[in-house]
Amino acid sequence: MEVVYWLIPIVLFVGFLVVLVFIWMAKSGQFDDLDGAANSIFMEDDEFDLKQKSSNSSEDAADTEQKQDLK
């Protein structure tokens, strides 16, 4: 029974700390954008494809210029 007298204050203290940490995280903006990180996976692929297409088009333009120089 003496253990309960120690456990109750410890559980209350830990619970109070959890509430304080949650409030601090909410005020610092940790929960502002919940879907952004999950969707960023898909956004990076699109940006990579666009960069690749633009570099390919610049390479194609350079190849066309070289072919015209050879004629």
C-alpha atoms as a PDB file:
ATOM      1  CA  MET A   1       0.000   0.000   0.000  1.00  0.00           C
ATOM      2  CA  GLU A   2       2.927   2.299   0.612  1.00  0.00           C
ATOM      3  CA  VAL A   3       3.867   1.995  -3.080  1.00  0.00           C
ATOM      4  CA  VAL A   4       0.570   3.638  -4.059  1.00  0.00           C
ATOM      5  CA  TYR A   5       1.474   6.669  -1.972  1.00  0.00           C
ATOM      6  CA  TRP A   6       4.621   7.053  -4.090  1.00  0.00           C
ATOM      7  CA  LEU A   7       3.046   6.203  -7.453  1.00  0.00           C
ATOM      8  CA  ILE A   8       0.165   8.696  -7.305  1.00  0.00           C
ATOM      9  CA  PRO A   9       2.384  11.823  -7.033  1.00  0.00           C
ATOM     10  CA  ILE A  10       4.788  10.457  -9.632  1.00  0.00           C
ATOM     11  CA  VAL A  11       1.961   9.785 -12.122  1.00  0.00           C
ATOM     12  CA  LEU A  12       0.478  13.238 -11.486  1.00  0.00           C
ATOM     13  CA  PHE A  13       3.879  14.877 -11.997  1.00  0.00           C
ATOM     14  CA  VAL A  14       4.559  12.983 -15.246  1.00  0.00           C
ATOM     15  CA  GLY A  15       1.046  13.775 -16.493  1.00  0.00           C
ATOM     16  CA  PHE A  16       1.586  17.456 -15.737  1.00  0.00           C
ATOM     17  CA  LEU A  17       4.874  17.371 -17.663  1.00  0.00           C
ATOM     18  CA  VAL A  18       3.141  15.750 -20.647  1.00  0.00           C
ATOM     19  CA  VAL A  19       0.505  18.487 -20.671  1.00  0.00           C
ATOM     20  CA  LEU A  20       3.182  21.201 -20.474  1.00  0.00           C
ATOM     21  CA  VAL A  21       5.161  19.649 -23.352  1.00  0.00           C
ATOM     22  CA  PHE A  22       1.994  19.375 -25.453  1.00  0.00           C
ATOM     23  CA  ILE A  23       1.116  23.038 -24.864  1.00  0.00           C
ATOM     24  CA  TRP A  24       4.698  24.092 -25.685  1.00  0.00           C
ATOM     25  CA  MET A  25       4.652  22.073 -28.920  1.00  0.00           C
ATOM     26  CA  ALA A  26       1.294  23.522 -29.953  1.00  0.00           C
ATOM     27  CA  LYS A  27       2.495  27.090 -29.355  1.00  0.00           C
ATOM     28  CA  SER A  28       5.746  26.531 -31.250  1.00  0.00           C
ATOM     29  CA  GLY A  29       3.884  25.387 -34.363  1.00  0.00           C
ATOM     30  CA  GLN A  30       4.667  21.676 -34.360  1.00  0.00           C
ATOM     31  CA  PHE A  31       1.093  20.793 -35.357  1.00  0.00           C
ATOM     32  CA  ASP A  32       0.503  23.510 -37.986  1.00  0.00           C
ATOM     33  CA  ASP A  33       1.054  21.457 -41.140  1.00  0.00           C
ATOM     34  CA  LEU A  34       0.324  17.789 -40.544  1.00  0.00           C
ATOM     35  CA  ASP A  35      -0.017  16.808 -44.215  1.00  0.00           C
ATOM     36  CA  GLY A  36       2.897  18.792 -45.607  1.00  0.00           C
ATOM     37  CA  ALA A  37       5.581  16.267 -44.739  1.00  0.00           C
ATOM     38  CA  ALA A  38       3.534  13.379 -46.094  1.00  0.00           C
ATOM     39  CA  ASN A  39       2.828  15.182 -49.364  1.00  0.00           C
ATOM     40  CA  SER A  40       6.377  16.423 -49.807  1.00  0.00           C
ATOM     41  CA  ILE A  41       7.350  12.967 -51.010  1.00  0.00           C
ATOM     42  CA  PHE A  42       5.170  13.440 -54.065  1.00  0.00           C
ATOM     43  CA  MET A  43       6.216  17.056 -54.637  1.00  0.00           C
ATOM     44  CA  GLU A  44       9.929  16.253 -54.840  1.00  0.00           C
ATOM     45  CA  ASP A  45       9.392  13.808 -57.699  1.00  0.00           C
ATOM     46  CA  ASP A  46       7.550  16.447 -59.717  1.00  0.00           C
ATOM     47  CA  GLU A  47      10.256  19.034 -59.162  1.00  0.00           C
ATOM     48  CA  PHE A  48      12.936  16.503 -60.125  1.00  0.00           C
ATOM     49  CA  ASP A  49      11.076  15.655 -63.337  1.00  0.00           C
ATOM     50  CA  LEU A  50      10.734  19.336 -64.229  1.00  0.00           C
ATOM     51  CA  LYS A  51      14.445  19.925 -63.665  1.00  0.00           C
ATOM     52  CA  GLN A  52      15.281  16.866 -65.705  1.00  0.00           C
ATOM     53  CA  LYS A  53      13.013  17.990 -68.559  1.00  0.00           C
ATOM     54  CA  SER A  54      14.532  21.462 -68.588  1.00  0.00           C
ATOM     55  CA  SER A  55      18.067  20.070 -68.624  1.00  0.00           C
ATOM     56  CA  ASN A  56      17.088  17.639 -71.408  1.00  0.00           C
ATOM     57  CA  SER A  57      15.583  20.452 -73.467  1.00  0.00           C
ATOM     58  CA  SER A  58      18.755  22.518 -73.064  1.00  0.00           C
ATOM     59  CA  GLU A  59      20.810  19.486 -74.128  1.00  0.00           C
ATOM     60  CA  ASP A  60      18.513  19.014 -77.127  1.00  0.00           C
ATOM     61  CA  ALA A  61      18.993  22.650 -78.083  1.00  0.00           C
ATOM     62  CA  ALA A  62      22.758  22.247 -77.836  1.00  0.00           C
ATOM     63  CA  ASP A  63      22.610  19.119 -80.010  1.00  0.00           C
ATOM     64  CA  THR A  64      20.529  20.972 -82.600  1.00  0.00           C
ATOM     65  CA  GLU A  65      23.048  23.820 -82.682  1.00  0.00           C
ATOM     66  CA  GLN A  66      25.913  21.333 -83.148  1.00  0.00           C
ATOM     67  CA  LYS A  67      24.080  19.621 -85.999  1.00  0.00           C
ATOM     68  CA  GLN A  68      23.471  22.970 -87.700  1.00  0.00           C
ATOM     69  CA  ASP A  69      27.157  23.850 -87.326  1.00  0.00           C
ATOM     70  CA  LEU A  70      28.122  20.574 -88.998  1.00  0.00           C
ATOM     71  CA  LYS A  71      25.935  21.294 -92.058  1.00  0.00           C
END
